[in-house]
N, C-alpha and C. Protein backbone atom coordinates (compact mmCIF):
# COMPACT_ATOMS: atom_id res chain seq x y z
N UNK A 1 98.63 123.08 105.16
CA UNK A 1 99.52 123.07 103.80
C UNK A 1 100.96 122.16 103.48
N UNK A 2 100.72 121.32 102.81
CA UNK A 2 101.47 120.24 102.39
C UNK A 2 102.79 120.64 102.36
N UNK A 3 103.76 119.76 103.00
CA UNK A 3 105.08 119.57 102.55
C UNK A 3 105.57 119.19 101.47
N UNK A 4 106.66 119.78 100.41
CA UNK A 4 106.96 118.90 99.40
C UNK A 4 108.17 117.83 100.06
N UNK A 5 108.53 116.90 98.90
CA UNK A 5 109.72 115.63 99.63
C UNK A 5 110.82 116.53 99.25
N UNK A 6 110.75 117.86 98.29
CA UNK A 6 111.75 118.23 98.37
C UNK A 6 112.40 118.55 99.55
N UNK A 7 111.65 119.62 100.68
CA UNK A 7 111.32 120.49 101.44
C UNK A 7 111.95 119.34 102.68
N UNK A 8 111.35 118.56 102.99
CA UNK A 8 111.67 117.56 103.58
C UNK A 8 112.96 116.86 104.00
N UNK A 9 113.73 116.43 102.78
CA UNK A 9 114.79 116.31 102.17
C UNK A 9 115.85 117.28 102.68
N UNK A 10 115.73 118.80 102.42
CA UNK A 10 116.03 119.97 102.82
C UNK A 10 116.56 119.81 104.28
N UNK A 11 115.58 119.60 104.99
CA UNK A 11 115.15 119.65 106.77
C UNK A 11 116.10 118.58 107.03
N UNK A 12 115.94 117.42 107.08
CA UNK A 12 116.60 116.27 107.19
C UNK A 12 118.45 116.81 106.93
N UNK A 13 118.72 117.02 105.77
CA UNK A 13 120.10 117.08 105.64
C UNK A 13 120.62 118.04 106.10
N UNK A 14 119.85 119.23 106.26
CA UNK A 14 120.31 120.42 107.43
C UNK A 14 120.75 119.93 108.42
N UNK A 15 120.10 118.96 109.06
CA UNK A 15 120.27 118.47 110.42
C UNK A 15 121.34 117.70 110.67
N UNK A 16 121.12 116.50 109.74
CA UNK A 16 121.88 115.32 109.72
C UNK A 16 122.84 115.37 108.64
N UNK A 17 124.00 116.29 108.62
CA UNK A 17 124.86 116.57 107.55
C UNK A 17 125.51 115.34 106.73
N UNK A 18 125.09 114.97 105.29
CA UNK A 18 125.78 114.04 105.03
C UNK A 18 124.74 112.69 104.95
N UNK A 19 123.79 113.09 105.75
CA UNK A 19 122.35 111.69 105.50
C UNK A 19 122.14 111.81 103.70
N UNK A 20 121.84 110.45 103.68
CA UNK A 20 121.26 109.98 102.15
C UNK A 20 119.93 110.12 102.60
N UNK A 21 119.07 110.70 101.71
CA UNK A 21 117.74 110.84 102.03
C UNK A 21 116.72 110.17 100.62
N UNK A 22 116.03 109.33 101.01
CA UNK A 22 114.92 109.01 99.97
C UNK A 22 113.74 109.29 100.58
N UNK A 23 112.61 110.08 99.59
CA UNK A 23 111.47 110.36 99.87
C UNK A 23 110.70 109.88 99.21
N UNK A 24 109.47 109.52 99.26
CA UNK A 24 108.47 108.68 98.42
C UNK A 24 106.76 109.49 99.00
N UNK A 25 106.23 109.49 97.67
CA UNK A 25 105.27 110.42 98.37
C UNK A 25 104.11 108.96 98.04
N UNK A 26 103.69 108.62 99.45
CA UNK A 26 102.69 107.35 99.05
C UNK A 26 101.53 107.79 98.39
N UNK A 27 100.59 108.40 98.23
CA UNK A 27 100.00 108.48 98.07
C UNK A 27 99.25 109.93 96.58
N UNK A 28 100.73 110.54 96.22
CA UNK A 28 100.65 111.42 95.65
C UNK A 28 99.70 112.79 96.12
N UNK A 29 99.36 113.07 97.51
CA UNK A 29 98.71 114.04 97.89
C UNK A 29 100.18 115.16 98.76
N UNK A 30 101.12 115.10 98.48
CA UNK A 30 101.68 115.61 99.30
C UNK A 30 101.68 115.65 100.81
N UNK A 31 100.67 114.32 101.57
CA UNK A 31 100.21 114.94 102.64
C UNK A 31 100.96 113.06 103.30
N UNK A 32 101.32 112.41 102.54
CA UNK A 32 101.35 111.21 103.10
C UNK A 32 103.15 110.47 102.31
N UNK A 33 104.10 110.59 103.41
CA UNK A 33 105.14 109.75 102.57
C UNK A 33 105.76 109.04 103.43
N UNK A 34 106.96 108.51 102.51
CA UNK A 34 107.89 107.14 102.91
C UNK A 34 109.23 107.87 102.78
N UNK A 35 109.77 107.57 103.99
CA UNK A 35 111.29 108.23 104.03
C UNK A 35 112.60 107.07 104.75
N UNK A 36 113.77 107.28 103.54
CA UNK A 36 114.33 106.00 104.04
C UNK A 36 116.10 106.90 104.17
N UNK A 37 116.29 107.21 105.31
CA UNK A 37 117.45 108.06 105.84
C UNK A 37 118.52 107.16 106.34
N UNK A 38 119.87 107.51 105.66
CA UNK A 38 120.78 106.70 105.91
C UNK A 38 122.43 107.66 106.63
N UNK A 39 122.34 107.20 107.43
CA UNK A 39 123.27 108.38 108.41
C UNK A 39 123.81 107.65 109.50
N UNK A 40 125.23 108.15 108.98
CA UNK A 40 126.56 107.65 109.61
C UNK A 40 126.71 107.71 111.37
N UNK A 41 125.69 109.07 111.50
CA UNK A 41 125.68 109.03 112.85
C UNK A 41 124.62 108.56 113.94
N UNK A 42 123.86 107.79 113.17
CA UNK A 42 123.12 106.93 113.62
C UNK A 42 123.50 105.62 113.75
N UNK A 43 125.01 105.28 114.14
CA UNK A 43 125.47 104.48 114.75
C UNK A 43 125.49 104.21 116.01
N UNK A 44 125.25 103.42 116.59
CA UNK A 44 125.52 103.00 118.33
C UNK A 44 123.91 103.77 118.79
N UNK A 45 123.23 104.66 117.65
CA UNK A 45 121.88 104.92 118.44
C UNK A 45 121.16 103.48 118.24
N UNK A 46 119.73 103.67 119.29
CA UNK A 46 118.68 102.56 119.15
C UNK A 46 117.57 103.10 118.04
N UNK A 47 117.10 102.38 117.10
CA UNK A 47 115.92 102.79 116.45
C UNK A 47 115.06 104.25 116.63
N UNK A 48 114.59 103.97 117.80
CA UNK A 48 114.01 104.87 118.32
C UNK A 48 114.81 106.65 118.40
N UNK A 49 115.71 106.55 119.11
CA UNK A 49 116.52 107.24 119.14
C UNK A 49 116.87 108.03 117.61
N UNK A 50 117.51 106.77 116.84
CA UNK A 50 117.53 107.55 115.28
C UNK A 50 116.08 107.86 114.59
N UNK A 51 115.21 107.47 115.15
CA UNK A 51 113.72 108.27 114.45
C UNK A 51 113.54 109.55 115.01
N UNK A 52 114.01 109.74 116.61
CA UNK A 52 113.84 110.87 117.12
C UNK A 52 114.68 112.00 116.34
N UNK A 53 115.76 111.96 116.34
CA UNK A 53 116.92 112.82 115.27
C UNK A 53 116.04 112.74 114.24
N UNK A 54 115.54 112.27 113.11
CA UNK A 54 114.47 112.55 112.19
C UNK A 54 113.71 113.49 112.31
N UNK A 55 113.01 113.23 113.25
CA UNK A 55 111.82 113.61 113.46
C UNK A 55 112.11 115.19 114.48
N UNK A 56 113.56 115.74 115.31
CA UNK A 56 113.70 116.61 115.27
C UNK A 56 113.91 117.43 114.23
N UNK A 57 114.96 116.83 113.15
CA UNK A 57 115.05 117.71 111.96
C UNK A 57 113.79 118.54 111.44
N UNK A 58 112.68 118.11 111.68
CA UNK A 58 111.40 118.51 110.86
C UNK A 58 110.85 119.57 111.37
N UNK A 59 111.56 120.00 112.84
CA UNK A 59 111.40 121.35 113.45
C UNK A 59 109.44 121.60 113.68
N UNK A 60 109.10 120.28 114.32
CA UNK A 60 107.73 120.60 115.04
C UNK A 60 106.87 120.57 113.46
N UNK A 61 106.99 120.21 112.56
CA UNK A 61 106.10 120.16 111.21
C UNK A 61 105.38 118.54 111.98
N UNK A 62 105.85 118.04 111.95
CA UNK A 62 105.28 116.33 111.72
C UNK A 62 103.91 116.79 112.71
N UNK A 63 102.68 116.34 111.82
CA UNK A 63 101.63 116.44 112.68
C UNK A 63 100.95 117.70 111.92
N UNK A 64 101.74 118.43 111.29
CA UNK A 64 100.70 120.14 110.85
C UNK A 64 101.06 119.97 109.08
N UNK A 65 102.56 120.55 108.97
CA UNK A 65 102.61 120.74 107.47
C UNK A 65 102.69 119.13 106.59
N UNK A 66 103.06 118.56 107.60
CA UNK A 66 103.30 116.97 107.48
C UNK A 66 102.34 115.75 107.88
N UNK A 67 101.52 115.31 107.49
CA UNK A 67 100.67 114.55 107.91
C UNK A 67 100.75 112.95 108.63
N UNK A 68 101.50 112.51 107.47
CA UNK A 68 102.34 111.19 107.55
C UNK A 68 103.79 110.87 107.37
N UNK A 69 104.27 110.27 108.22
CA UNK A 69 105.76 110.09 107.84
C UNK A 69 106.44 108.41 107.87
N UNK A 70 106.32 107.74 107.20
CA UNK A 70 106.77 106.22 107.20
C UNK A 70 108.54 106.24 107.41
N UNK A 71 109.01 106.07 108.59
CA UNK A 71 110.08 106.09 108.49
C UNK A 71 111.00 104.98 108.54
N UNK A 72 112.27 105.27 107.96
CA UNK A 72 113.28 103.41 107.87
C UNK A 72 114.41 104.60 108.21
N UNK A 73 115.26 103.82 108.91
CA UNK A 73 116.69 104.63 109.12
C UNK A 73 117.28 103.68 109.49
N UNK A 74 118.93 103.94 108.81
CA UNK A 74 119.78 102.85 108.85
C UNK A 74 121.32 103.43 108.91
N UNK A 75 122.68 103.03 109.30
CA UNK A 75 124.01 103.25 109.00
C UNK A 75 124.49 102.71 107.76
N UNK A 76 125.29 103.80 107.06
CA UNK A 76 125.62 103.24 105.78
C UNK A 76 126.41 101.51 106.13
N UNK A 77 126.62 100.76 104.95
CA UNK A 77 127.32 99.38 105.48
C UNK A 77 128.97 99.63 105.22
């Protein structure tokens, strides 16, 4: 079963309070998304650590309900 963009956003914002999240459905199939997450808590962390934080927020749904997520992370200006 596919995930909605809204559900992805909710999981990320629940785990990373204050994060700004933009989700785009790349194919319109509910399985392939791109996400841009801006979060102050990423400051001082490597890109790998930032991505791990986002993946952890999805609580094991990557590869199951969520097939593909192209991820871009950054800190606020």
